C-alpha atoms as a PDB file:
ATOM      1  CA  MET A   1      39.648-139.369 101.886  1.00  0.00           C
ATOM      2  CA  LEU A   2      42.473-137.567 103.903  1.00  0.00           C
ATOM      3  CA  LYS A   3      42.207-133.816 103.683  1.00  0.00           C
ATOM      4  CA  ARG A   4      44.864-131.298 104.263  1.00  0.00           C
ATOM      5  CA  MET A   5      44.053-128.899 107.122  1.00  0.00           C
ATOM      6  CA  SER A   6      45.186-125.302 106.682  1.00  0.00           C
ATOM      7  CA  THR A   7      45.268-122.765 109.445  1.00  0.00           C
ATOM      8  CA  ASN A   8      41.940-121.367 108.433  1.00  0.00           C
ATOM      9  CA  ALA A   9      40.423-124.796 108.217  1.00  0.00           C
ATOM     10  CA  LEU A  10      41.652-125.770 111.593  1.00  0.00           C
ATOM     11  CA  LEU A  11      40.341-122.579 113.174  1.00  0.00           C
ATOM     12  CA  ASN A  12      36.849-122.897 111.514  1.00  0.00           C
ATOM     13  CA  MET A  13      36.287-126.745 111.797  1.00  0.00           C
ATOM     14  CA  LYS A  14      33.284-128.086 113.565  1.00  0.00           C
ATOM     15  CA  SER A  15      33.671-130.473 116.538  1.00  0.00           C
ATOM     16  CA  PRO A  16      32.259-133.966 116.123  1.00  0.00           C
ATOM     17  CA  SER A  17      29.717-133.192 118.658  1.00  0.00           C
ATOM     18  CA  SER A  18      28.221-130.315 116.844  1.00  0.00           C
ATOM     19  CA  GLY A  19      28.426-132.011 113.543  1.00  0.00           C
ATOM     20  CA  GLY A  20      27.227-135.470 114.601  1.00  0.00           C
ATOM     21  CA  SER A  21      23.865-137.215 114.323  1.00  0.00           C
ATOM     22  CA  SER A  22      20.833-135.075 114.015  1.00  0.00           C
ATOM     23  CA  TYR A  23      18.523-137.719 115.224  1.00  0.00           C
ATOM     24  CA  PRO A  24      16.479-136.673 118.251  1.00  0.00           C
ATOM     25  CA  LYS A  25      16.538-138.572 121.488  1.00  0.00           C
ATOM     26  CA  LEU A  26      13.511-140.764 122.012  1.00  0.00           C
ATOM     27  CA  GLY A  27      12.393-139.056 125.065  1.00  0.00           C
ATOM     28  CA  GLU A  28      12.128-135.846 122.975  1.00  0.00           C
ATOM     29  CA  ILE A  29       9.629-137.309 120.459  1.00  0.00           C
ATOM     30  CA  LEU A  30       7.483-139.299 122.800  1.00  0.00           C
ATOM     31  CA  VAL A  31       4.152-137.859 123.836  1.00  0.00           C
ATOM     32  CA  ASN A  32       4.857-136.880 127.497  1.00  0.00           C
ATOM     33  CA  LEU A  33       2.248-138.419 129.802  1.00  0.00           C
ATOM     34  CA  SER A  34       4.360-138.033 132.868  1.00  0.00           C
ATOM     35  CA  THR A  35       2.303-137.053 135.973  1.00  0.00           C
ATOM     36  CA  LYS A  36       5.255-135.897 138.091  1.00  0.00           C
ATOM     37  CA  GLU A  37       3.857-132.384 138.027  1.00  0.00           C
ATOM     38  CA  GLY A  38       0.121-133.388 138.103  1.00  0.00           C
ATOM     39  CA  MET A  39      -2.538-134.252 135.613  1.00  0.00           C
ATOM     40  CA  VAL A  40      -1.727-133.873 131.892  1.00  0.00           C
ATOM     41  CA  GLU A  41      -3.932-133.768 128.742  1.00  0.00           C
ATOM     42  CA  ARG A  42      -2.582-134.243 125.238  1.00  0.00           C
ATOM     43  CA  LYS A  43      -4.614-133.473 122.108  1.00  0.00           C
ATOM     44  CA  LEU A  44      -3.540-135.869 119.274  1.00  0.00           C
ATOM     45  CA  LYS A  45      -4.256-136.721 115.692  1.00  0.00           C
ATOM     46  CA  LEU A  46      -3.539-140.408 115.150  1.00  0.00           C
ATOM     47  CA  VAL A  47      -1.690-141.564 112.124  1.00  0.00           C
ATOM     48  CA  GLY A  48      -2.375-145.069 110.732  1.00  0.00           C
ATOM     49  CA  ASP A  49      -2.294-148.057 113.013  1.00  0.00           C
ATOM     50  CA  PRO A  50      -0.017-148.774 116.008  1.00  0.00           C
ATOM     51  CA  ILE A  51       2.526-151.499 116.238  1.00  0.00           C
ATOM     52  CA  GLY A  52       2.611-153.887 119.196  1.00  0.00           C
ATOM     53  CA  PHE A  53       5.572-155.344 121.045  1.00  0.00           C
ATOM     54  CA  LEU A  54       6.561-156.895 124.275  1.00  0.00           C
ATOM     55  CA  GLU A  55       8.716-154.837 126.649  1.00  0.00           C
ATOM     56  CA  TYR A  56      10.603-156.580 129.392  1.00  0.00           C
ATOM     57  CA  THR A  57      11.354-155.001 132.900  1.00  0.00           C
ATOM     58  CA  ASP A  58      14.127-156.133 135.185  1.00  0.00           C
ATOM     59  CA  LYS A  59      11.681-158.239 137.243  1.00  0.00           C
ATOM     60  CA  VAL A  60      11.252-161.933 137.628  1.00  0.00           C
ATOM     61  CA  TYR A  61       8.790-164.020 139.527  1.00  0.00           C
ATOM     62  CA  VAL A  62      10.110-165.488 142.825  1.00  0.00           C
ATOM     63  CA  PRO A  63       9.897-169.359 142.511  1.00  0.00           C
ATOM     64  CA  GLY A  64       7.325-170.904 144.996  1.00  0.00           C
ATOM     65  CA  GLN A  65       5.876-167.525 145.904  1.00  0.00           C
ATOM     66  CA  LYS A  66       2.783-166.801 143.644  1.00  0.00           C
ATOM     67  CA  GLY A  67       2.657-163.397 142.240  1.00  0.00           C
ATOM     68  CA  LYS A  68       5.682-162.164 144.124  1.00  0.00           C
ATOM     69  CA  THR A  69       8.468-160.492 142.017  1.00  0.00           C
ATOM     70  CA  GLN A  70      11.874-159.082 142.643  1.00  0.00           C
ATOM     71  CA  ARG A  71      14.226-157.077 140.532  1.00  0.00           C
ATOM     72  CA  VAL A  72      17.069-158.809 138.810  1.00  0.00           C
ATOM     73  CA  PRO A  73      19.532-156.678 136.986  1.00  0.00           C
ATOM     74  CA  PHE A  74      19.736-157.356 133.318  1.00  0.00           C
ATOM     75  CA  PRO A  75      22.901-159.307 132.346  1.00  0.00           C
ATOM     76  CA  ASP A  76      24.094-156.355 130.176  1.00  0.00           C
ATOM     77  CA  ALA A  77      23.095-153.703 132.655  1.00  0.00           C
ATOM     78  CA  ASP A  78      26.681-152.352 132.761  1.00  0.00           C
ATOM     79  CA  ILE A  79      26.535-151.619 129.070  1.00  0.00           C
ATOM     80  CA  ASN A  80      22.930-150.773 128.304  1.00  0.00           C
ATOM     81  CA  LYS A  81      21.631-148.431 130.921  1.00  0.00           C
ATOM     82  CA  GLY A  82      17.948-148.557 129.667  1.00  0.00           C
ATOM     83  CA  PHE A  83      15.242-149.526 132.176  1.00  0.00           C
ATOM     84  CA  THR A  84      13.645-152.044 129.765  1.00  0.00           C
ATOM     85  CA  ARG A  85      14.409-154.393 126.827  1.00  0.00           C
ATOM     86  CA  ILE A  86      12.287-155.038 123.830  1.00  0.00           C
ATOM     87  CA  GLY A  87      11.591-158.669 123.166  1.00  0.00           C
ATOM     88  CA  HIS A  88      12.028-160.751 119.932  1.00  0.00           C
ATOM     89  CA  GLU A  89       8.915-161.235 117.738  1.00  0.00           C
ATOM     90  CA  ASP A  90       9.365-164.932 118.041  1.00  0.00           C
ATOM     91  CA  PRO A  91       9.182-165.760 121.795  1.00  0.00           C
ATOM     92  CA  ASN A  92      11.222-169.050 121.158  1.00  0.00           C
ATOM     93  CA  GLN A  93      14.266-166.795 120.194  1.00  0.00           C
ATOM     94  CA  CYS A  94      13.871-164.154 122.910  1.00  0.00           C
ATOM     95  CA  PRO A  95      16.642-164.275 125.536  1.00  0.00           C
ATOM     96  CA  TRP A  96      14.604-162.028 127.917  1.00  0.00           C
ATOM     97  CA  LYS A  97      11.776-164.522 127.951  1.00  0.00           C
ATOM     98  CA  ALA A  98      14.113-167.500 128.286  1.00  0.00           C
ATOM     99  CA  ALA A  99      15.676-165.744 131.323  1.00  0.00           C
ATOM    100  CA  GLY A 100      12.394-165.494 132.982  1.00  0.00           C
ATOM    101  CA  TYR A 101      11.934-161.672 132.848  1.00  0.00           C
ATOM    102  CA  ILE A 102       8.256-160.397 132.932  1.00  0.00           C
ATOM    103  CA  PRO A 103       6.825-158.771 129.774  1.00  0.00           C
ATOM    104  CA  THR A 104       4.405-155.950 129.403  1.00  0.00           C
ATOM    105  CA  MET A 105       2.498-155.339 126.228  1.00  0.00           C
ATOM    106  CA  LYS A 106       3.163-151.994 124.752  1.00  0.00           C
ATOM    107  CA  PHE A 107       1.989-150.171 121.563  1.00  0.00           C
ATOM    108  CA  ALA A 108       3.504-147.322 119.567  1.00  0.00           C
ATOM    109  CA  GLN A 109       1.856-144.956 116.906  1.00  0.00           C
ATOM    110  CA  ASN A 110       2.797-141.949 114.975  1.00  0.00           C
ATOM    111  CA  VAL A 111       0.745-138.939 115.967  1.00  0.00           C
ATOM    112  CA  LEU A 112       0.454-135.226 115.522  1.00  0.00           C
ATOM    113  CA  GLU A 113       0.300-133.380 118.862  1.00  0.00           C
ATOM    114  CA  GLN A 114      -1.390-130.093 119.139  1.00  0.00           C
ATOM    115  CA  GLN A 115       0.770-127.334 120.870  1.00  0.00           C
ATOM    116  CA  ALA A 116      -0.411-124.465 122.970  1.00  0.00           C
ATOM    117  CA  ASP A 117      -0.173-122.145 119.946  1.00  0.00           C
ATOM    118  CA  GLY A 118      -2.332-124.409 117.883  1.00  0.00           C
ATOM    119  CA  THR A 119       0.389-125.872 115.725  1.00  0.00           C
ATOM    120  CA  TRP A 120       0.854-129.598 115.358  1.00  0.00           C
ATOM    121  CA  VAL A 121       4.120-131.519 115.997  1.00  0.00           C
ATOM    122  CA  PRO A 122       4.997-135.015 114.976  1.00  0.00           C
ATOM    123  CA  LYS A 123       5.310-137.259 118.022  1.00  0.00           C
ATOM    124  CA  ILE A 124       5.037-140.937 118.979  1.00  0.00           C
ATOM    125  CA  LEU A 125       2.412-142.227 121.292  1.00  0.00           C
ATOM    126  CA  LYS A 126       3.822-145.106 123.309  1.00  0.00           C
ATOM    127  CA  ALA A 127       1.566-146.776 125.950  1.00  0.00           C
ATOM    128  CA  GLY A 128      -0.172-149.774 127.111  1.00  0.00           C
ATOM    129  CA  LYS A 129      -3.543-151.472 126.477  1.00  0.00           C
ATOM    130  CA  SER A 130      -5.483-148.993 128.715  1.00  0.00           C
ATOM    131  CA  ILE A 131      -5.124-146.292 126.127  1.00  0.00           C
ATOM    132  CA  PHE A 132      -5.080-148.176 122.726  1.00  0.00           C
ATOM    133  CA  LEU A 133      -7.949-150.481 123.528  1.00  0.00           C
ATOM    134  CA  GLU A 134     -10.086-147.295 123.882  1.00  0.00           C
ATOM    135  CA  PHE A 135      -9.232-146.263 120.380  1.00  0.00           C
ATOM    136  CA  ALA A 136     -10.070-149.707 119.131  1.00  0.00           C
ATOM    137  CA  LYS A 137     -13.491-149.697 120.907  1.00  0.00           C
ATOM    138  CA  TRP A 138     -14.410-146.351 119.442  1.00  0.00           C
ATOM    139  CA  GLN A 139     -13.539-147.580 115.931  1.00  0.00           C
ATOM    140  CA  SER A 140     -15.424-150.847 116.434  1.00  0.00           C
ATOM    141  CA  GLY A 141     -18.457-148.863 117.646  1.00  0.00           C
ATOM    142  CA  ARG A 142     -18.337-146.701 114.501  1.00  0.00           C
ATOM    143  CA  ILE A 143     -18.167-149.806 112.247  1.00  0.00           C
ATOM    144  CA  ASN A 144     -21.207-151.224 113.970  1.00  0.00           C
ATOM    145  CA  ASP A 145     -23.016-147.874 113.499  1.00  0.00           C
ATOM    146  CA  LEU A 146     -22.694-148.412 109.769  1.00  0.00           C
ATOM    147  CA  GLU A 147     -25.569-150.903 109.918  1.00  0.00           C
ATOM    148  CA  ASP A 148     -28.007-148.238 110.952  1.00  0.00           C
ATOM    149  CA  LEU A 149     -27.103-145.683 108.355  1.00  0.00           C
ATOM    150  CA  ASP A 150     -28.943-145.055 105.063  1.00  0.00           C
ATOM    151  CA  GLU A 151     -26.907-145.805 101.873  1.00  0.00           C
ATOM    152  CA  ASP A 152     -26.350-142.111 101.246  1.00  0.00           C
ATOM    153  CA  GLU A 153     -24.934-141.671 104.802  1.00  0.00           C
ATOM    154  CA  VAL A 154     -22.418-144.395 104.643  1.00  0.00           C
ATOM    155  CA  GLU A 155     -20.154-142.539 102.133  1.00  0.00           C
ATOM    156  CA  GLY A 156     -17.706-140.431 104.124  1.00  0.00           C
ATOM    157  CA  PHE A 157     -18.639-141.805 107.457  1.00  0.00           C
ATOM    158  CA  ILE A 158     -15.378-141.876 109.623  1.00  0.00           C
ATOM    159  CA  THR A 159     -14.764-145.301 111.209  1.00  0.00           C
ATOM    160  CA  HIS A 160     -10.920-144.921 111.907  1.00  0.00           C
ATOM    161  CA  LEU A 161      -8.970-142.500 113.916  1.00  0.00           C
ATOM    162  CA  GLY A 162      -5.711-142.939 111.979  1.00  0.00           C
ATOM    163  CA  THR A 163      -6.971-141.882 108.496  1.00  0.00           C
ATOM    164  CA  ARG A 164      -6.419-138.311 107.201  1.00  0.00           C
ATOM    165  CA  ARG A 165     -10.008-137.599 107.646  1.00  0.00           C
ATOM    166  CA  SER A 166     -10.786-138.306 111.319  1.00  0.00           C
ATOM    167  CA  MET A 167     -11.306-136.774 114.710  1.00  0.00           C
ATOM    168  CA  MET A 168      -8.845-135.537 117.376  1.00  0.00           C
ATOM    169  CA  VAL A 169      -8.412-137.671 120.464  1.00  0.00           C
ATOM    170  CA  ARG A 170      -7.772-136.325 123.998  1.00  0.00           C
ATOM    171  CA  VAL A 171      -5.633-138.431 126.278  1.00  0.00           C
ATOM    172  CA  LYS A 172      -5.637-137.593 130.059  1.00  0.00           C
ATOM    173  CA  ALA A 173      -3.093-138.995 132.605  1.00  0.00           C
ATOM    174  CA  ILE A 174      -4.378-138.627 136.156  1.00  0.00           C
ATOM    175  CA  PRO A 175      -2.133-139.353 139.279  1.00  0.00           C
ATOM    176  CA  THR A 176      -3.942-141.496 141.688  1.00  0.00           C
ATOM    177  CA  GLY A 177      -1.586-141.347 144.661  1.00  0.00           C
ATOM    178  CA  LYS A 178      -1.329-145.183 144.586  1.00  0.00           C
ATOM    179  CA  GLU A 179       1.708-147.466 144.071  1.00  0.00           C
ATOM    180  CA  PRO A 180       2.595-148.530 140.496  1.00  0.00           C
ATOM    181  CA  PRO A 181       1.014-149.962 138.391  1.00  0.00           C
ATOM    182  CA  GLN A 182      -2.050-148.152 139.724  1.00  0.00           C
ATOM    183  CA  SER A 183      -0.318-144.839 140.176  1.00  0.00           C
ATOM    184  CA  VAL A 184      -1.774-143.327 137.021  1.00  0.00           C
ATOM    185  CA  GLU A 185      -5.251-143.462 135.527  1.00  0.00           C
ATOM    186  CA  TYR A 186      -5.761-142.765 131.861  1.00  0.00           C
ATOM    187  CA  SER A 187      -8.846-141.400 130.172  1.00  0.00           C
ATOM    188  CA  VAL A 188      -9.588-141.157 126.445  1.00  0.00           C
ATOM    189  CA  SER A 189     -12.162-139.086 124.626  1.00  0.00           C
ATOM    190  CA  VAL A 190     -12.770-138.512 120.863  1.00  0.00           C
ATOM    191  CA  GLY A 191     -13.879-135.165 119.464  1.00  0.00           C
ATOM    192  CA  SER A 192     -17.158-134.911 117.623  1.00  0.00           C
ATOM    193  CA  LYS A 193     -15.887-132.902 114.686  1.00  0.00           C
ATOM    194  CA  GLU A 194     -13.571-133.904 112.056  1.00  0.00           C
ATOM    195  CA  ILE A 195     -10.060-132.406 112.166  1.00  0.00           C
ATOM    196  CA  LYS A 196      -8.708-131.528 108.615  1.00  0.00           C
ATOM    197  CA  VAL A 197      -5.077-132.612 108.200  1.00  0.00           C
ATOM    198  CA  THR A 198      -3.479-129.846 106.191  1.00  0.00           C
ATOM    199  CA  ASP A 199      -0.743-130.075 103.726  1.00  0.00           C
ATOM    200  CA  GLU A 200       1.504-128.325 106.282  1.00  0.00           C
ATOM    201  CA  MET A 201       0.810-131.095 108.888  1.00  0.00           C
ATOM    202  CA  VAL A 202       1.607-133.831 106.197  1.00  0.00           C
ATOM    203  CA  GLU A 203       4.902-132.109 105.397  1.00  0.00           C
ATOM    204  CA  ALA A 204       5.680-132.066 109.167  1.00  0.00           C
ATOM    205  CA  LEU A 205       5.155-135.872 109.228  1.00  0.00           C
ATOM    206  CA  LYS A 206       7.238-136.337 106.105  1.00  0.00           C
ATOM    207  CA  ALA A 207      10.078-134.367 107.669  1.00  0.00           C
ATOM    208  CA  ALA A 208      10.078-136.786 110.613  1.00  0.00           C
ATOM    209  CA  GLY A 209      10.225-139.694 108.227  1.00  0.00           C
ATOM    210  CA  GLU A 210       9.164-140.584 104.618  1.00  0.00           C
ATOM    211  CA  PRO A 211       9.849-143.984 103.283  1.00  0.00           C
ATOM    212  CA  LYS A 212      11.273-144.434  99.728  1.00  0.00           C
ATOM    213  CA  PRO A 213       8.643-145.078  97.080  1.00  0.00           C
ATOM    214  CA  GLU A 214       9.480-148.775  96.844  1.00  0.00           C
ATOM    215  CA  VAL A 215       9.004-149.140 100.550  1.00  0.00           C
ATOM    216  CA  ILE A 216       5.658-147.447 100.428  1.00  0.00           C
ATOM    217  CA  GLU A 217       4.609-149.647  97.598  1.00  0.00           C
ATOM    218  CA  GLU A 218       5.620-152.805  99.600  1.00  0.00           C
ATOM    219  CA  GLU A 219       3.672-151.508 102.676  1.00  0.00           C
ATOM    220  CA  ARG A 220       0.667-150.947 100.458  1.00  0.00           C
ATOM    221  CA  LYS A 221       0.828-154.393  99.134  1.00  0.00           C
ATOM    222  CA  ASN A 222       0.988-156.007 102.542  1.00  0.00           C
ATOM    223  CA  TYR A 223      -1.713-153.784 103.839  1.00  0.00           C
ATOM    224  CA  ASN A 224      -4.116-154.610 101.115  1.00  0.00           C
ATOM    225  CA  ALA A 225      -3.411-158.289 101.551  1.00  0.00           C
ATOM    226  CA  ASP A 226      -4.274-158.048 105.315  1.00  0.00           C
ATOM    227  CA  ARG A 227      -7.363-155.755 104.688  1.00  0.00           C
ATOM    228  CA  ALA A 228      -8.795-158.494 102.448  1.00  0.00           C
ATOM    229  CA  GLN A 229      -9.015-160.652 105.612  1.00  0.00           C
ATOM    230  CA  ASP A 230      -9.834-157.815 108.129  1.00  0.00           C
ATOM    231  CA  PRO A 231     -12.869-155.604 107.207  1.00  0.00           C
ATOM    232  CA  THR A 232     -12.111-153.152 110.016  1.00  0.00           C
ATOM    233  CA  MET A 233      -9.062-151.765 108.263  1.00  0.00           C
ATOM    234  CA  PRO A 234      -9.776-148.672 106.285  1.00  0.00           C
ATOM    235  CA  GLU A 235      -8.737-148.018 102.747  1.00  0.00           C
ATOM    236  CA  TRP A 236      -5.029-147.567 102.251  1.00  0.00           C
ATOM    237  CA  GLU A 237      -3.508-144.140 102.417  1.00  0.00           C
ATOM    238  CA  ASP A 238       0.199-143.356 101.871  1.00  0.00           C
ATOM    239  CA  PHE A 239      -0.346-141.047 104.808  1.00  0.00           C
ATOM    240  CA  PHE A 240      -0.146-144.096 106.989  1.00  0.00           C
ATOM    241  CA  THR A 241       3.590-144.465 106.289  1.00  0.00           C
ATOM    242  CA  TYR A 242       4.709-140.981 107.233  1.00  0.00           C
ATOM    243  CA  GLY A 243       6.349-140.157 110.532  1.00  0.00           C
ATOM    244  CA  TYR A 244       8.997-141.858 112.679  1.00  0.00           C
ATOM    245  CA  ASP A 245      10.184-145.319 111.653  1.00  0.00           C
ATOM    246  CA  LEU A 246       8.506-147.294 114.483  1.00  0.00           C
ATOM    247  CA  LYS A 247       9.865-150.633 113.361  1.00  0.00           C
ATOM    248  CA  LYS A 248      13.340-149.223 113.649  1.00  0.00           C
ATOM    249  CA  ILE A 249      12.866-147.413 116.964  1.00  0.00           C
ATOM    250  CA  PHE A 250      11.048-150.287 118.744  1.00  0.00           C
ATOM    251  CA  LYS A 251      13.032-153.252 117.302  1.00  0.00           C
ATOM    252  CA  PHE A 252      14.272-156.348 119.177  1.00  0.00           C
ATOM    253  CA  GLN A 253      17.087-155.541 121.699  1.00  0.00           C
ATOM    254  CA  PRO A 254      19.481-158.544 121.996  1.00  0.00           C
ATOM    255  CA  ILE A 255      21.802-158.690 125.013  1.00  0.00           C
ATOM    256  CA  LYS A 256      24.680-156.342 124.584  1.00  0.00           C
ATOM    257  CA  VAL A 257      28.209-157.387 124.843  1.00  0.00           C
ATOM    258  CA  ASP A 258      31.510-155.637 124.729  1.00  0.00           C
ATOM    259  CA  ALA A 259      35.024-156.830 124.076  1.00  0.00           C
ATOM    260  CA  ALA A 260      35.262-158.067 127.568  1.00  0.00           C
ATOM    261  CA  THR A 261      32.111-159.994 127.540  1.00  0.00           C
ATOM    262  CA  ALA A 262      31.820-161.097 124.037  1.00  0.00           C
ATOM    263  CA  GLU A 263      32.736-164.679 124.866  1.00  0.00           C
ATOM    264  CA  LEU A 264      30.042-164.883 127.538  1.00  0.00           C
ATOM    265  CA  ARG A 265      27.088-164.124 125.132  1.00  0.00           C
ATOM    266  CA  ASP A 266      26.005-167.796 125.050  1.00  0.00           C
ATOM    267  CA  GLU A 267      26.034-167.942 128.831  1.00  0.00           C
ATOM    268  CA  PHE A 268      24.017-164.721 129.065  1.00  0.00           C
ATOM    269  CA  GLU A 269      21.379-166.003 126.774  1.00  0.00           C
ATOM    270  CA  THR A 270      20.980-169.252 128.516  1.00  0.00           C
ATOM    271  CA  SER A 271      20.858-168.990 132.385  1.00  0.00           C
ATOM    272  CA  TYR A 272      22.504-167.346 135.403  1.00  0.00           C
ATOM    273  CA  VAL A 273      21.935-167.410 139.158  1.00  0.00           C
ATOM    274  CA  VAL A 274      21.178-164.461 141.412  1.00  0.00           C
ATOM    275  CA  LYS A 275      20.843-164.291 145.158  1.00  0.00           C
ATOM    276  CA  SER A 276      17.790-163.128 146.975  1.00  0.00           C
ATOM    277  CA  PRO A 277      18.084-159.814 148.745  1.00  0.00           C
ATOM    278  CA  VAL A 278      19.506-160.366 152.184  1.00  0.00           C
ATOM    279  CA  ALA A 279      16.625-158.179 153.599  1.00  0.00           C
ATOM    280  CA  GLU A 280      14.085-160.714 152.458  1.00  0.00           C
ATOM    281  CA  GLN A 281      15.682-163.649 154.438  1.00  0.00           C
ATOM    282  CA  PRO A 282      13.804-164.606 157.607  1.00  0.00           C
ATOM    283  CA  LYS A 283      15.553-163.940 160.959  1.00  0.00           C
ATOM    284  CA  PRO A 284      16.974-166.868 162.743  1.00  0.00           C
ATOM    285  CA  VAL A 285      14.715-168.290 165.543  1.00  0.00           C
ATOM    286  CA  ALA A 286      17.307-170.571 167.268  1.00  0.00           C
ATOM    287  CA  THR A 287      20.981-170.302 168.246  1.00  0.00           C
ATOM    288  CA  LYS A 288      23.324-172.202 165.861  1.00  0.00           C
ATOM    289  CA  ASN A 289      26.336-174.168 166.937  1.00  0.00           C
ATOM    290  CA  GLU A 290      29.446-172.099 166.903  1.00  0.00           C
ATOM    291  CA  ASP A 291      31.077-174.879 164.761  1.00  0.00           C
ATOM    292  CA  ASP A 292      28.427-174.477 162.078  1.00  0.00           C
ATOM    293  CA  ASP A 293      29.987-172.490 159.158  1.00  0.00           C
ATOM    294  CA  ASP A 294      26.787-172.080 157.165  1.00  0.00           C
ATOM    295  CA  ASP A 295      25.787-168.565 158.499  1.00  0.00           C
ATOM    296  CA  ASP A 296      26.326-166.831 155.284  1.00  0.00           C
ATOM    297  CA  ASP A 297      24.474-169.338 153.048  1.00  0.00           C
ATOM    298  CA  ILE A 298      21.609-167.731 151.068  1.00  0.00           C
ATOM    299  CA  GLU A 299      19.189-169.670 149.004  1.00  0.00           C
ATOM    300  CA  PRO A 300      19.753-168.579 145.347  1.00  0.00           C
ATOM    301  CA  VAL A 301      16.864-167.617 143.140  1.00  0.00           C
ATOM    302  CA  VAL A 302      17.465-169.329 139.758  1.00  0.00           C
ATOM    303  CA  VAL A 303      16.122-167.447 136.857  1.00  0.00           C
ATOM    304  CA  ALA A 304      14.316-169.837 134.646  1.00  0.00           C
ATOM    305  CA  THR A 305      15.919-170.791 131.274  1.00  0.00           C
ATOM    306  CA  LYS A 306      13.821-172.883 128.988  1.00  0.00           C
ATOM    307  CA  ALA A 307      10.350-173.392 130.481  1.00  0.00           C
ATOM    308  CA  LYS A 308       7.760-175.704 129.013  1.00  0.00           C
ATOM    309  CA  ALA A 309       5.776-174.043 126.150  1.00  0.00           C
ATOM    310  CA  LYS A 310       2.857-172.094 127.620  1.00  0.00           C
ATOM    311  CA  LYS A 311       1.038-168.952 127.200  1.00  0.00           C
ATOM    312  CA  PRO A 312       3.399-166.148 128.379  1.00  0.00           C
ATOM    313  CA  VAL A 313       2.296-163.907 131.265  1.00  0.00           C
ATOM    314  CA  VAL A 314       1.880-160.376 130.127  1.00  0.00           C
ATOM    315  CA  VAL A 315       1.319-157.610 132.673  1.00  0.00           C
ATOM    316  CA  GLU A 316       0.167-154.053 132.323  1.00  0.00           C
ATOM    317  CA  GLU A 317       2.393-151.703 134.100  1.00  0.00           C
ATOM    318  CA  ASP A 318       2.695-147.945 134.782  1.00  0.00           C
ATOM    319  CA  ASP A 319       3.277-145.916 131.605  1.00  0.00           C
ATOM    320  CA  SER A 320       4.142-142.672 133.354  1.00  0.00           C
ATOM    321  CA  ASP A 321       7.870-142.782 132.926  1.00  0.00           C
ATOM    322  CA  ASP A 322       8.936-143.708 129.486  1.00  0.00           C
ATOM    323  CA  SER A 323      11.184-140.796 128.801  1.00  0.00           C
ATOM    324  CA  GLU A 324      14.362-142.840 129.437  1.00  0.00           C
ATOM    325  CA  SER A 325      13.549-145.405 126.714  1.00  0.00           C
ATOM    326  CA  ASN A 326      15.995-146.844 124.280  1.00  0.00           C
ATOM    327  CA  ASP A 327      17.980-144.566 121.941  1.00  0.00           C
ATOM    328  CA  ASP A 328      19.741-147.347 119.915  1.00  0.00           C
ATOM    329  CA  TRP A 329      17.782-146.410 116.897  1.00  0.00           C
ATOM    330  CA  MET A 330      19.664-143.224 116.279  1.00  0.00           C
END
């Protein structure tokens, strides 16, 4: 509805920038494991279970050179300045996989991070298998310990780090001085004492994100159906749904197009050809005939489109610089 703007209204109006979206940038809510300034340690209380997804970097394998990779700009690099792209849940519908980009398995989980003053702040832990597998190993070990407990000891025995009654975890990121992906070494340790999640901590999580009752009910229904097949899953808690909306933040990123490139979407999602860097070309070993006009010919590297169905190669890469991740969720 159009509104009349008086002199007073004009003088006191808020600019779009100050009255715009209140969503934080992703870099502000991720647990910071960057080692640019040395070793870091984060004290965390996990919430629920993580989600997993494939994240693609702008690297492809060079045909005919086993294990050798080279950077190839994403086809929408001029529009989306992000360093990575999140793949489709169905590999057969993923344009990044079809184009030959190399995926990395990533995980994200809501957490509470303890600050220097002892308070707890909602964050997201985004990392690779090196960290999250350690959580899973600890939980598996605790489940196995149940077999050695007396009946009266089983009740209340903590087997999962993401429940309201659980321990704190410490995640350390240590620079190694090596080249990526070996530039950072991670260590995970679990506290021996239970950390009580206070009502204040729960309210902080709810402030970050609390689904509607019908969404929680649907999550509970799906969770219990999965739990019937997976005994490692703890009893459901609504607490699991509090925090940032991970499925929205880390959703599939299709190839972006603008008005000038909209008609090229189909071409982007099928194939394109890039040239190998000139620096990688071997130097000539013989003098060419002056009449030969092929001096500038460079063998193109063709990014594969539809490869035969096979198990995708997933690599584990350096997690030290995720601060520039996608902010499209806002």
